[in-house]
Amino acid sequence: MSADDYDKIAMAVIVAASEVDSTFEKHVDSDAKLRAKIHGWGQVFRMAKAVWPQEALEAVYVHYGEAGAFPIKPGDVVAYCKSRPVTSSREHISWWLDRWAQHPWSDAIQEAVGRPIPQLEPDSSDVADKPRLIEQRRAFINEQRDFFIDQILANAERKAITR
């Protein structure tokens, strides 16, 4: 995600928190201060790299659902997001796919999908080929991203049903 994406998530979280907690924006008395707060929260989210829109908003509502909740902080949102399973949102799965694209000899994606995917099998076990294999893997994942997300979600539902 881009810096702008994280700032958009921060803005959505701050707006949601302000709607729930009347004291949340008490000390933000100008547009400049609000922009600075959004950017600061966005920076925390960028550094954490594990914050997604749906989970971030859920964090606000879960946080304020607790009796006596203090004003939410960016770290509360990050902690909540990190606690969520990969299948908690399409964006989370997409992020997870990008992370596993870096590991050409791993079968984690095939396991999550629930079946072998020949196009993800490396054609070499030579470490010198790793950059090329990663690039091939990334390209294939990017072409098939929606398919992978749909399959991972469906496989997670099948697993949940059989538990």
Foldseek 3Di string as FASTA:
>chain_A
DDLVQLLVLLVVLLVLLCVLDVCSCVPPDDPVSVSVSSSVLSVVCVVLVQADNVQLNVLSVVQSVDPPRDRDDSVSSSVSSVPDDCLPDLVSVLSVLLVCLLPLCDCVLCVLLVHDDVQSHDPDPDPVCSVVSSVSSVVVCVVCVVVSSVSSNVVVVVVVVVD
